[in-house]
Amino acid sequence: MTFNKGTDYEVTLADLRPIETDESCKKYKAAYKRFLIYQVIEESNISWDDAEVFEGKLIRTFTRSRFLDHMDSHMNIDWYKEVPDMKYSHYQICGLDFIVDVAAHKPPTIEEVEQFLVQ
């Protein structure tokens, strides 16, 4: 599989296998008490940006990101910045084949669950 063919950023991946899940896979629930916005993106639609700054691997906390830039330039949230306890951060959860970006006041609580859907 080749991405960015014919450009300086061309990358070829070999020996690819599909993601396989079964009952032995662990399942987790991430819960945010208060959030402003979230987005879920299929991972092949994400482009890397060296200007973004974050800590973490599968759960990341960003101090600089395009998601934060988008919020600052396209959302009417100036009043949040005036109230100290309304401060938000950009959190990102990396799943098997998706990325979840969340602007929230505090990081999520993460817990292992038996099933994905709440009954």
PDB file of N, CA and C in Angstrom:
ATOM      1  N   MET A   1       0.857  -1.159   0.000  1.00  0.00           N
ATOM      2  CA  MET A   1       0.000   0.000   0.000  1.00  0.00           C
ATOM      3  C   MET A   1       0.911   1.232   0.000  1.00  0.00           C
ATOM      4  N   THR A   2       0.635   2.166  -0.893  1.00  0.00           N
ATOM      5  CA  THR A   2       1.450   3.367  -1.014  1.00  0.00           C
ATOM      6  C   THR A   2       0.593   4.608  -0.794  1.00  0.00           C
ATOM      7  N   PHE A   3       1.123   5.519   0.014  1.00  0.00           N
ATOM      8  CA  PHE A   3       0.467   6.801   0.298  1.00  0.00           C
ATOM      9  C   PHE A   3       1.318   7.923  -0.265  1.00  0.00           C
ATOM     10  N   ASN A   4       0.675   9.008  -0.680  1.00  0.00           N
ATOM     11  CA  ASN A   4       1.360  10.213  -1.178  1.00  0.00           C
ATOM     12  C   ASN A   4       2.285   9.890  -2.356  1.00  0.00           C
ATOM     13  N   LYS A   5       1.831   9.017  -3.245  1.00  0.00           N
ATOM     14  CA  LYS A   5       2.652   8.574  -4.374  1.00  0.00           C
ATOM     15  C   LYS A   5       3.094   9.760  -5.239  1.00  0.00           C
ATOM     16  N   GLY A   6       4.363   9.763  -5.574  1.00  0.00           N
ATOM     17  CA  GLY A   6       4.919  10.801  -6.438  1.00  0.00           C
ATOM     18  C   GLY A   6       5.278  12.089  -5.720  1.00  0.00           C
ATOM     19  N   THR A   7       5.187  12.115  -4.388  1.00  0.00           N
ATOM     20  CA  THR A   7       5.546  13.315  -3.629  1.00  0.00           C
ATOM     21  C   THR A   7       6.772  13.027  -2.759  1.00  0.00           C
ATOM     22  N   ASP A   8       7.266  14.053  -2.111  1.00  0.00           N
ATOM     23  CA  ASP A   8       8.392  13.886  -1.178  1.00  0.00           C
ATOM     24  C   ASP A   8       7.995  13.083   0.048  1.00  0.00           C
ATOM     25  N   TYR A   9       6.691  12.894   0.264  1.00  0.00           N
ATOM     26  CA  TYR A   9       6.193  12.215   1.450  1.00  0.00           C
ATOM     27  C   TYR A   9       5.693  10.800   1.151  1.00  0.00           C
ATOM     28  N   GLU A  10       6.112  10.229   0.014  1.00  0.00           N
ATOM     29  CA  GLU A  10       5.653   8.902  -0.370  1.00  0.00           C
ATOM     30  C   GLU A  10       6.098   7.866   0.657  1.00  0.00           C
ATOM     31  N   VAL A  11       5.151   7.024   1.060  1.00  0.00           N
ATOM     32  CA  VAL A  11       5.413   5.958   2.021  1.00  0.00           C
ATOM     33  C   VAL A  11       4.769   4.687   1.497  1.00  0.00           C
ATOM     34  N   THR A  12       5.505   3.599   1.525  1.00  0.00           N
ATOM     35  CA  THR A  12       4.975   2.311   1.117  1.00  0.00           C
ATOM     36  C   THR A  12       4.998   1.374   2.316  1.00  0.00           C
ATOM     37  N   LEU A  13       3.860   0.742   2.561  1.00  0.00           N
ATOM     38  CA  LEU A  13       3.738  -0.212   3.660  1.00  0.00           C
ATOM     39  C   LEU A  13       3.591  -1.610   3.081  1.00  0.00           C
ATOM     40  N   ALA A  14       4.320  -2.555   3.658  1.00  0.00           N
ATOM     41  CA  ALA A  14       4.260  -3.942   3.189  1.00  0.00           C
ATOM     42  C   ALA A  14       3.814  -4.850   4.329  1.00  0.00           C
ATOM     43  N   ASP A  15       3.466  -6.076   3.997  1.00  0.00           N
ATOM     44  CA  ASP A  15       3.059  -7.084   4.983  1.00  0.00           C
ATOM     45  C   ASP A  15       1.916  -6.593   5.868  1.00  0.00           C
ATOM     46  N   LEU A  16       0.920  -5.963   5.264  1.00  0.00           N
ATOM     47  CA  LEU A  16      -0.226  -5.465   6.013  1.00  0.00           C
ATOM     48  C   LEU A  16      -1.202  -6.591   6.314  1.00  0.00           C
ATOM     49  N   ARG A  17      -1.808  -6.508   7.479  1.00  0.00           N
ATOM     50  CA  ARG A  17      -2.840  -7.470   7.879  1.00  0.00           C
ATOM     51  C   ARG A  17      -4.041  -6.670   8.381  1.00  0.00           C
ATOM     52  N   PRO A  18      -5.251  -7.189   8.183  1.00  0.00           N
ATOM     53  CA  PRO A  18      -6.428  -6.474   8.680  1.00  0.00           C
ATOM     54  C   PRO A  18      -6.478  -6.503  10.209  1.00  0.00           C
ATOM     55  N   ILE A  19      -7.144  -5.520  10.779  1.00  0.00           N
ATOM     56  CA  ILE A  19      -7.369  -5.510  12.225  1.00  0.00           C
ATOM     57  C   ILE A  19      -8.387  -6.593  12.534  1.00  0.00           C
ATOM     58  N   GLU A  20      -8.048  -7.450  13.472  1.00  0.00           N
ATOM     59  CA  GLU A  20      -8.952  -8.530  13.853  1.00  0.00           C
ATOM     60  C   GLU A  20      -9.306  -8.385  15.322  1.00  0.00           C
ATOM     61  N   THR A  21     -10.590  -8.410  15.603  1.00  0.00           N
ATOM     62  CA  THR A  21     -11.035  -8.348  16.990  1.00  0.00           C
ATOM     63  C   THR A  21     -11.853  -9.594  17.299  1.00  0.00           C
ATOM     64  N   ASP A  22     -11.780  -9.991  18.553  1.00  0.00           N
ATOM     65  CA  ASP A  22     -12.576 -11.123  19.004  1.00  0.00           C
ATOM     66  C   ASP A  22     -12.927 -10.905  20.475  1.00  0.00           C
ATOM     67  N   GLU A  23     -13.529 -11.887  21.091  1.00  0.00           N
ATOM     68  CA  GLU A  23     -13.975 -11.744  22.482  1.00  0.00           C
ATOM     69  C   GLU A  23     -12.830 -11.537  23.469  1.00  0.00           C
ATOM     70  N   SER A  24     -11.610 -11.909  23.084  1.00  0.00           N
ATOM     71  CA  SER A  24     -10.473 -11.744  24.005  1.00  0.00           C
ATOM     72  C   SER A  24      -9.950 -10.304  24.043  1.00  0.00           C
ATOM     73  N   CYS A  25     -10.388  -9.465  23.109  1.00  0.00           N
ATOM     74  CA  CYS A  25      -9.939  -8.069  23.081  1.00  0.00           C
ATOM     75  C   CYS A  25     -10.514  -7.309  24.283  1.00  0.00           C
ATOM     76  N   LYS A  26      -9.694  -6.465  24.876  1.00  0.00           N
ATOM     77  CA  LYS A  26     -10.167  -5.652  25.988  1.00  0.00           C
ATOM     78  C   LYS A  26     -10.985  -4.487  25.449  1.00  0.00           C
ATOM     79  N   LYS A  27     -11.983  -4.077  26.224  1.00  0.00           N
ATOM     80  CA  LYS A  27     -12.864  -2.973  25.851  1.00  0.00           C
ATOM     81  C   LYS A  27     -12.811  -1.935  26.971  1.00  0.00           C
ATOM     82  N   TYR A  28     -12.806  -0.662  26.571  1.00  0.00           N
ATOM     83  CA  TYR A  28     -12.686   0.408  27.554  1.00  0.00           C
ATOM     84  C   TYR A  28     -13.763   1.460  27.346  1.00  0.00           C
ATOM     85  N   LYS A  29     -14.107   2.131  28.414  1.00  0.00           N
ATOM     86  CA  LYS A  29     -15.030   3.261  28.363  1.00  0.00           C
ATOM     87  C   LYS A  29     -14.265   4.495  28.830  1.00  0.00           C
ATOM     88  N   ALA A  30     -14.323   5.553  28.035  1.00  0.00           N
ATOM     89  CA  ALA A  30     -13.734   6.840  28.406  1.00  0.00           C
ATOM     90  C   ALA A  30     -14.898   7.786  28.692  1.00  0.00           C
ATOM     91  N   ALA A  31     -14.937   8.340  29.894  1.00  0.00           N
ATOM     92  CA  ALA A  31     -16.043   9.222  30.282  1.00  0.00           C
ATOM     93  C   ALA A  31     -15.502  10.604  30.628  1.00  0.00           C
ATOM     94  N   TYR A  32     -16.113  11.613  30.022  1.00  0.00           N
ATOM     95  CA  TYR A  32     -15.782  13.006  30.301  1.00  0.00           C
ATOM     96  C   TYR A  32     -16.938  13.620  31.076  1.00  0.00           C
ATOM     97  N   LYS A  33     -16.644  14.322  32.175  1.00  0.00           N
ATOM     98  CA  LYS A  33     -17.715  14.973  32.936  1.00  0.00           C
ATOM     99  C   LYS A  33     -18.287  16.155  32.162  1.00  0.00           C
ATOM    100  N   ARG A  34     -17.420  16.963  31.574  1.00  0.00           N
ATOM    101  CA  ARG A  34     -17.864  18.133  30.800  1.00  0.00           C
ATOM    102  C   ARG A  34     -16.983  18.254  29.571  1.00  0.00           C
ATOM    103  N   PHE A  35     -17.617  18.405  28.412  1.00  0.00           N
ATOM    104  CA  PHE A  35     -16.840  18.621  27.195  1.00  0.00           C
ATOM    105  C   PHE A  35     -17.531  19.668  26.336  1.00  0.00           C
ATOM    106  N   LEU A  36     -16.757  20.279  25.459  1.00  0.00           N
ATOM    107  CA  LEU A  36     -17.285  21.299  24.551  1.00  0.00           C
ATOM    108  C   LEU A  36     -17.618  20.720  23.186  1.00  0.00           C
ATOM    109  N   ILE A  37     -16.704  19.919  22.666  1.00  0.00           N
ATOM    110  CA  ILE A  37     -16.863  19.382  21.318  1.00  0.00           C
ATOM    111  C   ILE A  37     -16.031  18.111  21.202  1.00  0.00           C
ATOM    112  N   TYR A  38     -16.461  17.223  20.312  1.00  0.00           N
ATOM    113  CA  TYR A  38     -15.650  16.052  20.005  1.00  0.00           C
ATOM    114  C   TYR A  38     -15.801  15.718  18.533  1.00  0.00           C
ATOM    115  N   GLN A  39     -14.831  14.968  18.025  1.00  0.00           N
ATOM    116  CA  GLN A  39     -14.917  14.465  16.657  1.00  0.00           C
ATOM    117  C   GLN A  39     -14.305  13.070  16.627  1.00  0.00           C
ATOM    118  N   VAL A  40     -14.850  12.227  15.763  1.00  0.00           N
ATOM    119  CA  VAL A  40     -14.328  10.883  15.559  1.00  0.00           C
ATOM    120  C   VAL A  40     -13.915  10.791  14.093  1.00  0.00           C
ATOM    121  N   ILE A  41     -12.680  10.383  13.864  1.00  0.00           N
ATOM    122  CA  ILE A  41     -12.149  10.325  12.501  1.00  0.00           C
ATOM    123  C   ILE A  41     -11.556   8.943  12.254  1.00  0.00           C
ATOM    124  N   GLU A  42     -11.848   8.367  11.095  1.00  0.00           N
ATOM    125  CA  GLU A  42     -11.230   7.110  10.691  1.00  0.00           C
ATOM    126  C   GLU A  42      -9.743   7.386  10.509  1.00  0.00           C
ATOM    127  N   GLU A  43      -8.895   6.537  11.075  1.00  0.00           N
ATOM    128  CA  GLU A  43      -7.475   6.846  11.207  1.00  0.00           C
ATOM    129  C   GLU A  43      -6.746   7.080   9.887  1.00  0.00           C
ATOM    130  N   SER A  44      -7.185   6.492   8.791  1.00  0.00           N
ATOM    131  CA  SER A  44      -6.475   6.708   7.524  1.00  0.00           C
ATOM    132  C   SER A  44      -6.705   8.112   6.967  1.00  0.00           C
ATOM    133  N   ASN A  45      -7.624   8.870   7.564  1.00  0.00           N
ATOM    134  CA  ASN A  45      -7.892  10.241   7.120  1.00  0.00           C
ATOM    135  C   ASN A  45      -7.127  11.283   7.921  1.00  0.00           C
ATOM    136  N   ILE A  46      -6.240  10.856   8.793  1.00  0.00           N
ATOM    137  CA  ILE A  46      -5.468  11.767   9.632  1.00  0.00           C
ATOM    138  C   ILE A  46      -4.122  12.026   8.975  1.00  0.00           C
ATOM    139  N   SER A  47      -3.685  13.270   8.980  1.00  0.00           N
ATOM    140  CA  SER A  47      -2.340  13.575   8.503  1.00  0.00           C
ATOM    141  C   SER A  47      -1.498  14.061   9.686  1.00  0.00           C
ATOM    142  N   TRP A  48      -0.254  13.637   9.729  1.00  0.00           N
ATOM    143  CA  TRP A  48       0.654  13.989  10.813  1.00  0.00           C
ATOM    144  C   TRP A  48       1.041  15.451  10.684  1.00  0.00           C
ATOM    145  N   ASP A  49       1.189  16.142  11.807  1.00  0.00           N
ATOM    146  CA  ASP A  49       1.594  17.540  11.815  1.00  0.00           C
ATOM    147  C   ASP A  49       2.653  17.722  12.897  1.00  0.00           C
ATOM    148  N   ASP A  50       3.897  17.960  12.477  1.00  0.00           N
ATOM    149  CA  ASP A  50       5.004  18.118  13.428  1.00  0.00           C
ATOM    150  C   ASP A  50       4.841  19.332  14.331  1.00  0.00           C
ATOM    151  N   ALA A  51       3.955  20.254  13.988  1.00  0.00           N
ATOM    152  CA  ALA A  51       3.744  21.444  14.823  1.00  0.00           C
ATOM    153  C   ALA A  51       2.901  21.136  16.059  1.00  0.00           C
ATOM    154  N   GLU A  52       2.200  19.999  16.046  1.00  0.00           N
ATOM    155  CA  GLU A  52       1.371  19.641  17.194  1.00  0.00           C
ATOM    156  C   GLU A  52       2.256  19.141  18.334  1.00  0.00           C
ATOM    157  N   VAL A  53       1.863  19.498  19.567  1.00  0.00           N
ATOM    158  CA  VAL A  53       2.643  19.125  20.752  1.00  0.00           C
ATOM    159  C   VAL A  53       1.727  18.378  21.709  1.00  0.00           C
ATOM    160  N   PHE A  54       2.145  17.158  22.096  1.00  0.00           N
ATOM    161  CA  PHE A  54       1.315  16.357  23.001  1.00  0.00           C
ATOM    162  C   PHE A  54       2.179  15.448  23.853  1.00  0.00           C
ATOM    163  N   GLU A  55       1.556  14.951  24.923  1.00  0.00           N
ATOM    164  CA  GLU A  55       2.153  13.922  25.766  1.00  0.00           C
ATOM    165  C   GLU A  55       1.232  12.718  25.728  1.00  0.00           C
ATOM    166  N   GLY A  56       1.802  11.524  25.845  1.00  0.00           N
ATOM    167  CA  GLY A  56       1.007  10.312  25.862  1.00  0.00           C
ATOM    168  C   GLY A  56       1.128   9.547  24.566  1.00  0.00           C
ATOM    169  N   LYS A  57       0.616   8.320  24.589  1.00  0.00           N
ATOM    170  CA  LYS A  57       0.685   7.468  23.407  1.00  0.00           C
ATOM    171  C   LYS A  57      -0.719   7.149  22.894  1.00  0.00           C
ATOM    172  N   LEU A  58      -1.452   6.277  23.566  1.00  0.00           N
ATOM    173  CA  LEU A  58      -2.805   5.939  23.121  1.00  0.00           C
ATOM    174  C   LEU A  58      -3.842   6.944  23.601  1.00  0.00           C
ATOM    175  N   ILE A  59      -3.560   7.583  24.737  1.00  0.00           N
ATOM    176  CA  ILE A  59      -4.375   8.701  25.213  1.00  0.00           C
ATOM    177  C   ILE A  59      -3.432   9.887  25.323  1.00  0.00           C
ATOM    178  N   ARG A  60      -3.700  10.903  24.527  1.00  0.00           N
ATOM    179  CA  ARG A  60      -2.788  12.041  24.415  1.00  0.00           C
ATOM    180  C   ARG A  60      -3.440  13.307  24.972  1.00  0.00           C
ATOM    181  N   THR A  61      -2.597  14.167  25.522  1.00  0.00           N
ATOM    182  CA  THR A  61      -3.022  15.496  25.953  1.00  0.00           C
ATOM    183  C   THR A  61      -2.200  16.498  25.157  1.00  0.00           C
ATOM    184  N   PHE A  62      -2.880  17.334  24.393  1.00  0.00           N
ATOM    185  CA  PHE A  62      -2.214  18.294  23.512  1.00  0.00           C
ATOM    186  C   PHE A  62      -2.115  19.667  24.181  1.00  0.00           C
ATOM    187  N   THR A  63      -0.987  20.319  23.988  1.00  0.00           N
ATOM    188  CA  THR A  63      -0.848  21.721  24.370  1.00  0.00           C
ATOM    189  C   THR A  63      -0.888  22.602  23.128  1.00  0.00           C
ATOM    190  N   ARG A  64      -0.681  21.979  21.956  1.00  0.00           N
ATOM    191  CA  ARG A  64      -0.775  22.699  20.683  1.00  0.00           C
ATOM    192  C   ARG A  64      -1.269  21.711  19.636  1.00  0.00           C
ATOM    193  N   SER A  65      -2.350  22.095  18.925  1.00  0.00           N
ATOM    194  CA  SER A  65      -2.906  21.192  17.906  1.00  0.00           C
ATOM    195  C   SER A  65      -3.773  21.957  16.914  1.00  0.00           C
ATOM    196  N   ARG A  66      -3.999  21.321  15.765  1.00  0.00           N
ATOM    197  CA  ARG A  66      -4.904  21.902  14.768  1.00  0.00           C
ATOM    198  C   ARG A  66      -6.331  21.914  15.289  1.00  0.00           C
ATOM    199  N   PHE A  67      -6.680  20.949  16.133  1.00  0.00           N
ATOM    200  CA  PHE A  67      -8.009  20.896  16.741  1.00  0.00           C
ATOM    201  C   PHE A  67      -8.238  22.131  17.623  1.00  0.00           C
ATOM    202  N   LEU A  68      -7.246  22.483  18.459  1.00  0.00           N
ATOM    203  CA  LEU A  68      -7.357  23.695  19.286  1.00  0.00           C
ATOM    204  C   LEU A  68      -7.404  24.947  18.413  1.00  0.00           C
ATOM    205  N   ASP A  69      -6.591  24.973  17.356  1.00  0.00           N
ATOM    206  CA  ASP A  69      -6.608  26.115  16.426  1.00  0.00           C
ATOM    207  C   ASP A  69      -7.982  26.272  15.791  1.00  0.00           C
ATOM    208  N   HIS A  70      -8.591  25.142  15.399  1.00  0.00           N
ATOM    209  CA  HIS A  70      -9.926  25.177  14.803  1.00  0.00           C
ATOM    210  C   HIS A  70     -10.947  25.748  15.790  1.00  0.00           C
ATOM    211  N   MET A  71     -10.872  25.312  17.030  1.00  0.00           N
ATOM    212  CA  MET A  71     -11.804  25.822  18.046  1.00  0.00           C
ATOM    213  C   MET A  71     -11.641  27.320  18.231  1.00  0.00           C
ATOM    214  N   ASP A  72     -10.396  27.771  18.319  1.00  0.00           N
ATOM    215  CA  ASP A  72     -10.135  29.198  18.524  1.00  0.00           C
ATOM    216  C   ASP A  72     -10.614  30.056  17.362  1.00  0.00           C
ATOM    217  N   SER A  73     -10.519  29.526  16.136  1.00  0.00           N
ATOM    218  CA  SER A  73     -10.864  30.350  14.981  1.00  0.00           C
ATOM    219  C   SER A  73     -12.290  30.172  14.469  1.00  0.00           C
ATOM    220  N   HIS A  74     -12.966  29.076  14.842  1.00  0.00           N
ATOM    221  CA  HIS A  74     -14.281  28.806  14.257  1.00  0.00           C
ATOM    222  C   HIS A  74     -15.430  28.664  15.254  1.00  0.00           C
ATOM    223  N   MET A  75     -15.136  28.768  16.530  1.00  0.00           N
ATOM    224  CA  MET A  75     -16.201  28.594  17.508  1.00  0.00           C
ATOM    225  C   MET A  75     -16.324  29.826  18.390  1.00  0.00           C
ATOM    226  N   ASN A  76     -17.514  30.098  18.815  1.00  0.00           N
ATOM    227  CA  ASN A  76     -17.782  31.237  19.688  1.00  0.00           C
ATOM    228  C   ASN A  76     -17.621  30.785  21.142  1.00  0.00           C
ATOM    229  N   ILE A  77     -16.373  30.676  21.592  1.00  0.00           N
ATOM    230  CA  ILE A  77     -16.103  30.176  22.941  1.00  0.00           C
ATOM    231  C   ILE A  77     -15.266  31.147  23.755  1.00  0.00           C
ATOM    232  N   ASP A  78     -15.207  32.405  23.338  1.00  0.00           N
ATOM    233  CA  ASP A  78     -14.405  33.389  24.066  1.00  0.00           C
ATOM    234  C   ASP A  78     -14.818  33.499  25.526  1.00  0.00           C
ATOM    235  N   TRP A  79     -16.107  33.365  25.816  1.00  0.00           N
ATOM    236  CA  TRP A  79     -16.558  33.502  27.203  1.00  0.00           C
ATOM    237  C   TRP A  79     -16.004  32.389  28.080  1.00  0.00           C
ATOM    238  N   TYR A  80     -15.684  31.205  27.480  1.00  0.00           N
ATOM    239  CA  TYR A  80     -15.064  30.134  28.266  1.00  0.00           C
ATOM    240  C   TYR A  80     -13.707  30.573  28.807  1.00  0.00           C
ATOM    241  N   LYS A  81     -12.981  31.336  28.007  1.00  0.00           N
ATOM    242  CA  LYS A  81     -11.640  31.764  28.394  1.00  0.00           C
ATOM    243  C   LYS A  81     -11.670  32.773  29.537  1.00  0.00           C
ATOM    244  N   GLU A  82     -12.801  33.428  29.738  1.00  0.00           N
ATOM    245  CA  GLU A  82     -12.926  34.428  30.800  1.00  0.00           C
ATOM    246  C   GLU A  82     -13.291  33.821  32.145  1.00  0.00           C
ATOM    247  N   VAL A  83     -13.723  32.578  32.167  1.00  0.00           N
ATOM    248  CA  VAL A  83     -14.135  31.916  33.400  1.00  0.00           C
ATOM    249  C   VAL A  83     -13.092  30.844  33.738  1.00  0.00           C
ATOM    250  N   PRO A  84     -12.333  31.036  34.833  1.00  0.00           N
ATOM    251  CA  PRO A  84     -11.221  30.123  35.142  1.00  0.00           C
ATOM    252  C   PRO A  84     -11.593  28.640  35.213  1.00  0.00           C
ATOM    253  N   ASP A  85     -12.735  28.302  35.790  1.00  0.00           N
ATOM    254  CA  ASP A  85     -13.069  26.881  35.918  1.00  0.00           C
ATOM    255  C   ASP A  85     -13.665  26.289  34.636  1.00  0.00           C
ATOM    256  N   MET A  86     -13.721  27.059  33.559  1.00  0.00           N
ATOM    257  CA  MET A  86     -14.214  26.568  32.269  1.00  0.00           C
ATOM    258  C   MET A  86     -13.068  26.272  31.301  1.00  0.00           C
ATOM    259  N   LYS A  87     -11.821  26.350  31.755  1.00  0.00           N
ATOM    260  CA  LYS A  87     -10.670  26.095  30.903  1.00  0.00           C
ATOM    261  C   LYS A  87     -10.768  24.684  30.316  1.00  0.00           C
ATOM    262  N   TYR A  88     -10.393  24.520  29.059  1.00  0.00           N
ATOM    263  CA  TYR A  88     -10.473  23.222  28.407  1.00  0.00           C
ATOM    264  C   TYR A  88      -9.118  22.854  27.807  1.00  0.00           C
ATOM    265  N   SER A  89      -8.945  21.570  27.563  1.00  0.00           N
ATOM    266  CA  SER A  89      -7.748  21.040  26.915  1.00  0.00           C
ATOM    267  C   SER A  89      -8.179  20.097  25.797  1.00  0.00           C
ATOM    268  N   HIS A  90      -7.221  19.758  24.943  1.00  0.00           N
ATOM    269  CA  HIS A  90      -7.475  18.823  23.848  1.00  0.00           C
ATOM    270  C   HIS A  90      -6.948  17.458  24.265  1.00  0.00           C
ATOM    271  N   TYR A  91      -7.852  16.475  24.333  1.00  0.00           N
ATOM    272  CA  TYR A  91      -7.510  15.090  24.632  1.00  0.00           C
ATOM    273  C   TYR A  91      -7.794  14.262  23.390  1.00  0.00           C
ATOM    274  N   GLN A  92      -6.957  13.256  23.157  1.00  0.00           N
ATOM    275  CA  GLN A  92      -7.144  12.408  21.983  1.00  0.00           C
ATOM    276  C   GLN A  92      -7.015  10.947  22.401  1.00  0.00           C
ATOM    277  N   ILE A  93      -7.936  10.129  21.935  1.00  0.00           N
ATOM    278  CA  ILE A  93      -7.911   8.694  22.192  1.00  0.00           C
ATOM    279  C   ILE A  93      -7.664   8.004  20.855  1.00  0.00           C
ATOM    280  N   CYS A  94      -6.633   7.169  20.812  1.00  0.00           N
ATOM    281  CA  CYS A  94      -6.285   6.435  19.590  1.00  0.00           C
ATOM    282  C   CYS A  94      -6.813   5.016  19.695  1.00  0.00           C
ATOM    283  N   GLY A  95      -7.787   4.697  18.866  1.00  0.00           N
ATOM    284  CA  GLY A  95      -8.359   3.352  18.849  1.00  0.00           C
ATOM    285  C   GLY A  95      -7.692   2.494  17.791  1.00  0.00           C
ATOM    286  N   LEU A  96      -8.259   1.318  17.534  1.00  0.00           N
ATOM    287  CA  LEU A  96      -7.679   0.415  16.546  1.00  0.00           C
ATOM    288  C   LEU A  96      -7.655   1.017  15.149  1.00  0.00           C
ATOM    289  N   ASP A  97      -8.740   1.672  14.748  1.00  0.00           N
ATOM    290  CA  ASP A  97      -8.793   2.257  13.412  1.00  0.00           C
ATOM    291  C   ASP A  97      -9.524   3.595  13.402  1.00  0.00           C
ATOM    292  N   PHE A  98      -9.491   4.296  14.540  1.00  0.00           N
ATOM    293  CA  PHE A  98     -10.146   5.597  14.636  1.00  0.00           C
ATOM    294  C   PHE A  98      -9.406   6.468  15.655  1.00  0.00           C
ATOM    295  N   ILE A  99      -9.656   7.749  15.554  1.00  0.00           N
ATOM    296  CA  ILE A  99      -9.105   8.734  16.484  1.00  0.00           C
ATOM    297  C   ILE A  99     -10.279   9.546  17.018  1.00  0.00           C
ATOM    298  N   VAL A 100     -10.321   9.762  18.325  1.00  0.00           N
ATOM    299  CA  VAL A 100     -11.347  10.596  18.936  1.00  0.00           C
ATOM    300  C   VAL A 100     -10.656  11.811  19.544  1.00  0.00           C
ATOM    301  N   ASP A 101     -11.035  12.996  19.095  1.00  0.00           N
ATOM    302  CA  ASP A 101     -10.525  14.251  19.652  1.00  0.00           C
ATOM    303  C   ASP A 101     -11.621  14.853  20.511  1.00  0.00           C
ATOM    304  N   VAL A 102     -11.268  15.310  21.710  1.00  0.00           N
ATOM    305  CA  VAL A 102     -12.244  15.883  22.631  1.00  0.00           C
ATOM    306  C   VAL A 102     -11.653  17.141  23.257  1.00  0.00           C
ATOM    307  N   ALA A 103     -12.430  18.210  23.261  1.00  0.00           N
ATOM    308  CA  ALA A 103     -12.083  19.407  24.034  1.00  0.00           C
ATOM    309  C   ALA A 103     -12.899  19.318  25.310  1.00  0.00           C
ATOM    310  N   ALA A 104     -12.205  19.146  26.434  1.00  0.00           N
ATOM    311  CA  ALA A 104     -12.896  18.940  27.701  1.00  0.00           C
ATOM    312  C   ALA A 104     -12.166  19.664  28.820  1.00  0.00           C
ATOM    313  N   HIS A 105     -12.871  19.798  29.942  1.00  0.00           N
ATOM    314  CA  HIS A 105     -12.323  20.508  31.089  1.00  0.00           C
ATOM    315  C   HIS A 105     -11.305  19.682  31.855  1.00  0.00           C
ATOM    316  N   LYS A 106     -11.480  18.367  31.865  1.00  0.00           N
ATOM    317  CA  LYS A 106     -10.574  17.470  32.574  1.00  0.00           C
ATOM    318  C   LYS A 106     -10.381  16.212  31.746  1.00  0.00           C
ATOM    319  N   PRO A 107      -9.295  15.477  31.974  1.00  0.00           N
ATOM    320  CA  PRO A 107      -9.102  14.234  31.230  1.00  0.00           C
ATOM    321  C   PRO A 107     -10.206  13.226  31.545  1.00  0.00           C
ATOM    322  N   PRO A 108     -10.385  12.248  30.669  1.00  0.00           N
ATOM    323  CA  PRO A 108     -11.439  11.258  30.909  1.00  0.00           C
ATOM    324  C   PRO A 108     -11.056  10.288  32.015  1.00  0.00           C
ATOM    325  N   THR A 109     -12.076   9.680  32.597  1.00  0.00           N
ATOM    326  CA  THR A 109     -11.831   8.520  33.441  1.00  0.00           C
ATOM    327  C   THR A 109     -11.943   7.314  32.509  1.00  0.00           C
ATOM    328  N   ILE A 110     -11.017   6.399  32.644  1.00  0.00           N
ATOM    329  CA  ILE A 110     -10.970   5.233  31.764  1.00  0.00           C
ATOM    330  C   ILE A 110     -11.219   3.989  32.605  1.00  0.00           C
ATOM    331  N   GLU A 111     -12.119   3.138  32.132  1.00  0.00           N
ATOM    332  CA  GLU A 111     -12.342   1.883  32.833  1.00  0.00           C
ATOM    333  C   GLU A 111     -12.579   0.767  31.822  1.00  0.00           C
ATOM    334  N   GLU A 112     -12.134  -0.428  32.182  1.00  0.00           N
ATOM    335  CA  GLU A 112     -12.373  -1.587  31.330  1.00  0.00           C
ATOM    336  C   GLU A 112     -13.827  -2.023  31.510  1.00  0.00           C
ATOM    337  N   VAL A 113     -14.471  -2.392  30.390  1.00  0.00           N
ATOM    338  CA  VAL A 113     -15.866  -2.827  30.429  1.00  0.00           C
ATOM    339  C   VAL A 113     -15.995  -4.180  29.732  1.00  0.00           C
ATOM    340  N   GLU A 114     -17.124  -4.847  29.996  1.00  0.00           N
ATOM    341  CA  GLU A 114     -17.385  -6.160  29.387  1.00  0.00           C
ATOM    342  C   GLU A 114     -17.910  -6.039  27.962  1.00  0.00           C
ATOM    343  N   GLN A 115     -18.669  -4.963  27.693  1.00  0.00           N
ATOM    344  CA  GLN A 115     -19.253  -4.785  26.361  1.00  0.00           C
ATOM    345  C   GLN A 115     -19.177  -3.314  25.978  1.00  0.00           C
ATOM    346  N   PHE A 116     -19.297  -3.044  24.680  1.00  0.00           N
ATOM    347  CA  PHE A 116     -19.164  -1.678  24.188  1.00  0.00           C
ATOM    348  C   PHE A 116     -20.383  -0.813  24.486  1.00  0.00           C
ATOM    349  N   LEU A 117     -21.567  -1.350  24.321  1.00  0.00           N
ATOM    350  CA  LEU A 117     -22.777  -0.553  24.438  1.00  0.00           C
ATOM    351  C   LEU A 117     -23.326  -0.586  25.849  1.00  0.00           C
ATOM    352  N   VAL A 118     -23.866   0.544  26.273  1.00  0.00           N
ATOM    353  CA  VAL A 118     -24.499   0.622  27.585  1.00  0.00           C
ATOM    354  C   VAL A 118     -25.891   0.022  27.453  1.00  0.00           C
ATOM    355  N   GLN A 119     -26.268  -0.833  28.381  1.00  0.00           N
ATOM    356  CA  GLN A 119     -27.575  -1.491  28.342  1.00  0.00           C
ATOM    357  C   GLN A 119     -28.592  -0.669  29.112  1.00  0.00           C
TER     358      GLN A 119
END
